[in-house]
């Protein structure tokens, strides 16, 4: 299961915690990539935040990874489940066809 994780800082980081948090984030990112759980990680230019594409076996595994996210207490994080675009379009087309068929019956 692939997920897009987008995180933006939403509260100030205490200055005395910054060096440790930056080091922890580097280690978290490197470990996630080395384990194959993160396909990519990045920061946003000019914005305090970043993201990743995670590939995990279950929502529970995602939850365990995110529980270790160093900037979690200082961030607003949004997670999107990713699906193949063509499959998603096929599903939407099928649902739309069924909806239109149901409307024509009335």
N, C-alpha and C. Protein backbone atom coordinates (compact mmCIF):
# COMPACT_ATOMS: atom_id res chain seq x y z
N UNK A 1 0.85 -1.17 0.00
CA UNK A 1 0.00 0.00 0.00
C UNK A 1 0.90 1.23 0.00
N UNK A 2 0.61 2.12 -0.94
CA UNK A 2 1.43 3.32 -1.07
C UNK A 2 0.66 4.52 -0.52
N UNK A 3 1.38 5.37 0.19
CA UNK A 3 0.78 6.57 0.78
C UNK A 3 1.66 7.79 0.50
N UNK A 4 1.00 8.89 0.20
CA UNK A 4 1.68 10.18 0.12
C UNK A 4 1.52 10.83 1.49
N UNK A 5 2.62 11.19 2.10
CA UNK A 5 2.62 11.84 3.41
C UNK A 5 3.12 13.27 3.21
N UNK A 6 2.29 14.24 3.61
CA UNK A 6 2.64 15.66 3.48
C UNK A 6 2.58 16.26 4.87
N UNK A 7 3.67 16.90 5.27
CA UNK A 7 3.75 17.46 6.61
C UNK A 7 4.25 18.89 6.55
N UNK A 8 3.56 19.77 7.30
CA UNK A 8 3.97 21.18 7.39
C UNK A 8 4.01 21.57 8.86
N UNK A 9 5.03 22.31 9.21
CA UNK A 9 5.17 22.78 10.59
C UNK A 9 3.98 23.66 10.94
N UNK A 10 3.38 23.40 12.11
CA UNK A 10 2.26 24.24 12.55
C UNK A 10 2.46 24.83 13.93
N UNK A 11 3.60 24.54 14.54
CA UNK A 11 3.92 25.20 15.80
C UNK A 11 5.45 25.33 15.89
N UNK A 12 5.91 26.34 16.60
CA UNK A 12 7.36 26.58 16.67
C UNK A 12 8.11 25.45 17.37
N UNK A 13 9.29 25.20 16.87
CA UNK A 13 10.17 24.23 17.50
C UNK A 13 11.03 24.97 18.52
N UNK A 14 11.05 24.52 19.77
CA UNK A 14 11.92 25.18 20.75
C UNK A 14 13.37 25.15 20.26
N UNK A 15 14.04 26.29 20.25
CA UNK A 15 15.40 26.37 19.71
C UNK A 15 16.36 25.33 20.28
N UNK A 16 16.22 25.03 21.55
CA UNK A 16 17.13 24.06 22.15
C UNK A 16 16.90 22.63 21.64
N UNK A 17 15.71 22.37 21.06
CA UNK A 17 15.40 21.05 20.52
C UNK A 17 15.78 20.90 19.05
N UNK A 18 15.98 22.02 18.36
CA UNK A 18 16.18 21.99 16.91
C UNK A 18 17.33 21.09 16.47
N UNK A 19 18.54 21.22 17.03
CA UNK A 19 19.63 20.36 16.53
C UNK A 19 19.32 18.87 16.65
N UNK A 20 18.77 18.47 17.76
CA UNK A 20 18.42 17.06 17.96
C UNK A 20 17.32 16.60 17.03
N UNK A 21 16.32 17.46 16.80
CA UNK A 21 15.23 17.10 15.89
C UNK A 21 15.71 16.98 14.46
N UNK A 22 16.59 17.89 14.04
CA UNK A 22 17.12 17.81 12.67
C UNK A 22 17.92 16.52 12.48
N UNK A 23 18.75 16.17 13.46
CA UNK A 23 19.52 14.93 13.38
C UNK A 23 18.60 13.71 13.38
N UNK A 24 17.57 13.75 14.22
CA UNK A 24 16.62 12.64 14.28
C UNK A 24 15.86 12.51 12.96
N UNK A 25 15.53 13.63 12.33
CA UNK A 25 14.80 13.58 11.06
C UNK A 25 15.67 13.01 9.96
N UNK A 26 16.95 13.39 9.93
CA UNK A 26 17.87 12.81 8.95
C UNK A 26 17.95 11.30 9.13
N UNK A 27 18.07 10.84 10.36
CA UNK A 27 18.15 9.41 10.64
C UNK A 27 16.85 8.70 10.28
N UNK A 28 15.71 9.32 10.60
CA UNK A 28 14.40 8.76 10.28
C UNK A 28 14.25 8.59 8.78
N UNK A 29 14.60 9.62 8.02
CA UNK A 29 14.50 9.57 6.57
C UNK A 29 15.44 8.51 5.99
N UNK A 30 16.70 8.51 6.42
CA UNK A 30 17.67 7.54 5.92
C UNK A 30 17.24 6.11 6.25
N UNK A 31 16.74 5.90 7.45
CA UNK A 31 16.29 4.57 7.85
C UNK A 31 15.08 4.10 7.06
N UNK A 32 14.16 5.04 6.78
CA UNK A 32 12.96 4.70 6.01
C UNK A 32 13.32 4.34 4.58
N UNK A 33 14.27 5.05 4.00
CA UNK A 33 14.72 4.74 2.64
C UNK A 33 15.50 3.43 2.62
N UNK A 34 16.40 3.24 3.57
CA UNK A 34 17.21 2.02 3.62
C UNK A 34 16.35 0.77 3.80
N UNK A 35 15.26 0.89 4.55
CA UNK A 35 14.38 -0.26 4.79
C UNK A 35 13.46 -0.53 3.60
N UNK A 36 13.42 0.40 2.66
CA UNK A 36 12.53 0.26 1.50
C UNK A 36 11.12 0.73 1.79
N UNK A 37 10.87 1.24 2.98
CA UNK A 37 9.52 1.71 3.32
C UNK A 37 9.23 3.08 2.70
N UNK A 38 10.26 3.89 2.51
CA UNK A 38 10.09 5.19 1.85
C UNK A 38 10.69 5.10 0.45
N UNK A 39 9.85 5.36 -0.55
CA UNK A 39 10.34 5.41 -1.92
C UNK A 39 11.07 6.72 -2.17
N UNK A 40 10.59 7.78 -1.56
CA UNK A 40 11.17 9.12 -1.70
C UNK A 40 10.89 9.90 -0.42
N UNK A 41 11.76 10.83 -0.12
CA UNK A 41 11.49 11.83 0.92
C UNK A 41 11.99 13.16 0.37
N UNK A 42 11.38 14.25 0.82
CA UNK A 42 11.81 15.57 0.35
C UNK A 42 11.35 16.64 1.32
N UNK A 43 11.96 17.81 1.17
CA UNK A 43 11.54 19.01 1.89
C UNK A 43 10.93 19.97 0.88
N UNK A 44 10.15 20.90 1.36
CA UNK A 44 9.53 21.91 0.51
C UNK A 44 10.41 23.16 0.51
N UNK A 45 10.72 23.66 -0.67
CA UNK A 45 11.55 24.86 -0.79
C UNK A 45 10.83 26.06 -0.18
N UNK A 46 11.47 26.71 0.76
CA UNK A 46 10.93 27.93 1.35
C UNK A 46 9.81 27.74 2.35
N UNK A 47 9.49 26.48 2.67
CA UNK A 47 8.41 26.18 3.62
C UNK A 47 8.94 25.17 4.63
N UNK A 48 8.57 25.33 5.88
CA UNK A 48 9.00 24.38 6.90
C UNK A 48 8.12 23.14 6.83
N UNK A 49 8.54 22.18 6.02
CA UNK A 49 7.78 20.95 5.88
C UNK A 49 8.37 20.10 4.78
N UNK A 50 7.71 19.00 4.52
CA UNK A 50 8.18 18.09 3.49
C UNK A 50 7.23 16.93 3.33
N UNK A 51 7.70 15.90 2.68
CA UNK A 51 6.83 14.77 2.43
C UNK A 51 7.59 13.52 2.08
N UNK A 52 6.84 12.48 1.83
CA UNK A 52 7.40 11.18 1.48
C UNK A 52 6.35 10.36 0.77
N UNK A 53 6.82 9.39 0.02
CA UNK A 53 5.94 8.34 -0.48
C UNK A 53 6.38 7.09 0.27
N UNK A 54 5.45 6.55 1.06
CA UNK A 54 5.73 5.35 1.84
C UNK A 54 5.04 4.16 1.21
N UNK A 55 5.72 3.02 1.23
CA UNK A 55 5.16 1.79 0.71
C UNK A 55 5.21 0.77 1.84
N UNK A 56 4.03 0.50 2.42
CA UNK A 56 3.95 -0.35 3.61
C UNK A 56 2.91 -1.45 3.40
N UNK A 57 2.93 -2.42 4.27
CA UNK A 57 2.03 -3.57 4.15
C UNK A 57 0.62 -3.31 4.66
N UNK A 58 0.48 -2.34 5.59
CA UNK A 58 -0.83 -2.16 6.22
C UNK A 58 -0.93 -0.76 6.83
N UNK A 59 -2.17 -0.33 7.12
CA UNK A 59 -2.32 0.94 7.83
C UNK A 59 -1.66 0.91 9.20
N UNK A 60 -1.62 -0.25 9.82
CA UNK A 60 -0.98 -0.38 11.13
C UNK A 60 0.53 -0.14 11.03
N UNK A 61 1.14 -0.64 9.94
CA UNK A 61 2.57 -0.39 9.75
C UNK A 61 2.82 1.09 9.49
N UNK A 62 1.95 1.72 8.72
CA UNK A 62 2.06 3.17 8.49
C UNK A 62 1.95 3.91 9.82
N UNK A 63 1.01 3.51 10.65
CA UNK A 63 0.83 4.15 11.95
C UNK A 63 2.07 4.02 12.81
N UNK A 64 2.70 2.84 12.79
CA UNK A 64 3.92 2.63 13.58
C UNK A 64 5.06 3.52 13.08
N UNK A 65 5.19 3.65 11.76
CA UNK A 65 6.22 4.52 11.20
C UNK A 65 5.96 5.97 11.59
N UNK A 66 4.73 6.42 11.44
CA UNK A 66 4.40 7.81 11.73
C UNK A 66 4.50 8.13 13.22
N UNK A 67 4.35 7.13 14.07
CA UNK A 67 4.50 7.35 15.52
C UNK A 67 5.94 7.75 15.86
N UNK A 68 6.89 7.38 14.98
CA UNK A 68 8.30 7.70 15.20
C UNK A 68 8.74 8.96 14.46
N UNK A 69 7.82 9.62 13.75
CA UNK A 69 8.15 10.82 12.98
C UNK A 69 8.61 11.93 13.93
N UNK A 70 9.87 12.35 13.85
CA UNK A 70 10.41 13.30 14.83
C UNK A 70 9.68 14.64 14.91
N UNK A 71 9.19 15.14 13.79
CA UNK A 71 8.54 16.45 13.80
C UNK A 71 7.03 16.36 14.05
N UNK A 72 6.53 15.16 14.33
CA UNK A 72 5.10 14.97 14.54
C UNK A 72 4.45 15.96 15.50
N UNK A 73 5.03 16.20 16.67
CA UNK A 73 4.39 17.11 17.62
C UNK A 73 4.35 18.57 17.15
N UNK A 74 5.10 18.89 16.12
CA UNK A 74 5.18 20.28 15.66
C UNK A 74 4.58 20.46 14.27
N UNK A 75 3.90 19.43 13.78
CA UNK A 75 3.45 19.44 12.39
C UNK A 75 1.99 19.06 12.23
N UNK A 76 1.45 19.52 11.11
CA UNK A 76 0.14 19.06 10.64
C UNK A 76 0.46 18.12 9.49
N UNK A 77 0.08 16.87 9.62
CA UNK A 77 0.41 15.87 8.61
C UNK A 77 -0.86 15.35 7.98
N UNK A 78 -0.84 15.28 6.65
CA UNK A 78 -1.95 14.73 5.88
C UNK A 78 -1.43 13.53 5.11
N UNK A 79 -2.21 12.46 5.13
CA UNK A 79 -1.81 11.22 4.47
C UNK A 79 -2.87 10.84 3.46
N UNK A 80 -2.41 10.57 2.24
CA UNK A 80 -3.29 10.18 1.15
C UNK A 80 -2.92 8.77 0.70
N UNK A 81 -3.91 7.90 0.57
CA UNK A 81 -3.68 6.57 0.01
C UNK A 81 -3.58 6.71 -1.50
N UNK A 82 -2.55 6.11 -2.09
CA UNK A 82 -2.32 6.25 -3.53
C UNK A 82 -2.82 5.01 -4.27
N UNK A 83 -3.44 5.23 -5.42
CA UNK A 83 -3.89 4.15 -6.28
C UNK A 83 -3.43 4.43 -7.70
N UNK A 84 -3.36 3.40 -8.51
CA UNK A 84 -3.01 3.55 -9.91
C UNK A 84 -4.04 4.44 -10.60
N UNK A 85 -3.59 5.43 -11.37
CA UNK A 85 -4.51 6.39 -11.99
C UNK A 85 -5.49 5.71 -12.93
N UNK A 86 -5.03 4.83 -13.80
CA UNK A 86 -5.94 4.19 -14.75
C UNK A 86 -6.99 3.35 -14.04
N UNK A 87 -6.59 2.64 -13.01
CA UNK A 87 -7.57 1.85 -12.25
C UNK A 87 -8.58 2.76 -11.56
N UNK A 88 -8.11 3.88 -11.03
CA UNK A 88 -9.00 4.84 -10.39
C UNK A 88 -10.00 5.41 -11.39
N UNK A 89 -9.52 5.74 -12.58
CA UNK A 89 -10.42 6.27 -13.61
C UNK A 89 -11.43 5.22 -14.06
N UNK A 90 -11.00 3.96 -14.17
CA UNK A 90 -11.93 2.88 -14.52
C UNK A 90 -13.01 2.75 -13.45
N UNK A 91 -12.61 2.80 -12.17
CA UNK A 91 -13.58 2.71 -11.07
C UNK A 91 -14.57 3.88 -11.11
N UNK A 92 -14.05 5.09 -11.33
CA UNK A 92 -14.92 6.27 -11.38
C UNK A 92 -15.87 6.18 -12.57
N UNK A 93 -15.38 5.72 -13.71
CA UNK A 93 -16.22 5.58 -14.90
C UNK A 93 -17.34 4.57 -14.65
N UNK A 94 -16.99 3.45 -14.03
CA UNK A 94 -17.98 2.41 -13.73
C UNK A 94 -19.04 2.96 -12.76
N UNK A 95 -18.61 3.67 -11.72
CA UNK A 95 -19.54 4.23 -10.75
C UNK A 95 -20.43 5.28 -11.40
N UNK A 96 -19.84 6.11 -12.26
CA UNK A 96 -20.62 7.14 -12.94
C UNK A 96 -21.66 6.49 -13.86
N UNK A 97 -21.26 5.44 -14.60
CA UNK A 97 -22.20 4.73 -15.47
C UNK A 97 -23.35 4.14 -14.69
N UNK A 98 -23.05 3.55 -13.52
CA UNK A 98 -24.10 2.98 -12.69
C UNK A 98 -25.05 4.06 -12.17
N UNK A 99 -24.47 5.20 -11.80
CA UNK A 99 -25.29 6.31 -11.31
C UNK A 99 -26.21 6.82 -12.41
N UNK A 100 -25.66 6.98 -13.60
CA UNK A 100 -26.46 7.47 -14.73
C UNK A 100 -27.54 6.46 -15.11
N UNK A 101 -27.22 5.18 -15.03
CA UNK A 101 -28.21 4.14 -15.31
C UNK A 101 -29.34 4.18 -14.32
N UNK A 102 -29.01 4.42 -13.06
CA UNK A 102 -30.03 4.52 -12.02
C UNK A 102 -30.90 5.74 -12.20
N UNK A 103 -30.33 6.82 -12.68
CA UNK A 103 -31.11 8.05 -12.89
C UNK A 103 -32.05 7.88 -14.08
N UNK A 104 -31.62 7.14 -15.10
CA UNK A 104 -32.46 6.95 -16.29
C UNK A 104 -33.68 6.10 -15.97
N UNK A 105 -33.55 5.24 -14.96
CA UNK A 105 -34.66 4.36 -14.59
C UNK A 105 -35.79 5.12 -13.90
N UNK A 106 -35.49 6.34 -13.44
CA UNK A 106 -36.53 7.11 -12.71
C UNK A 106 -37.20 8.02 -13.62
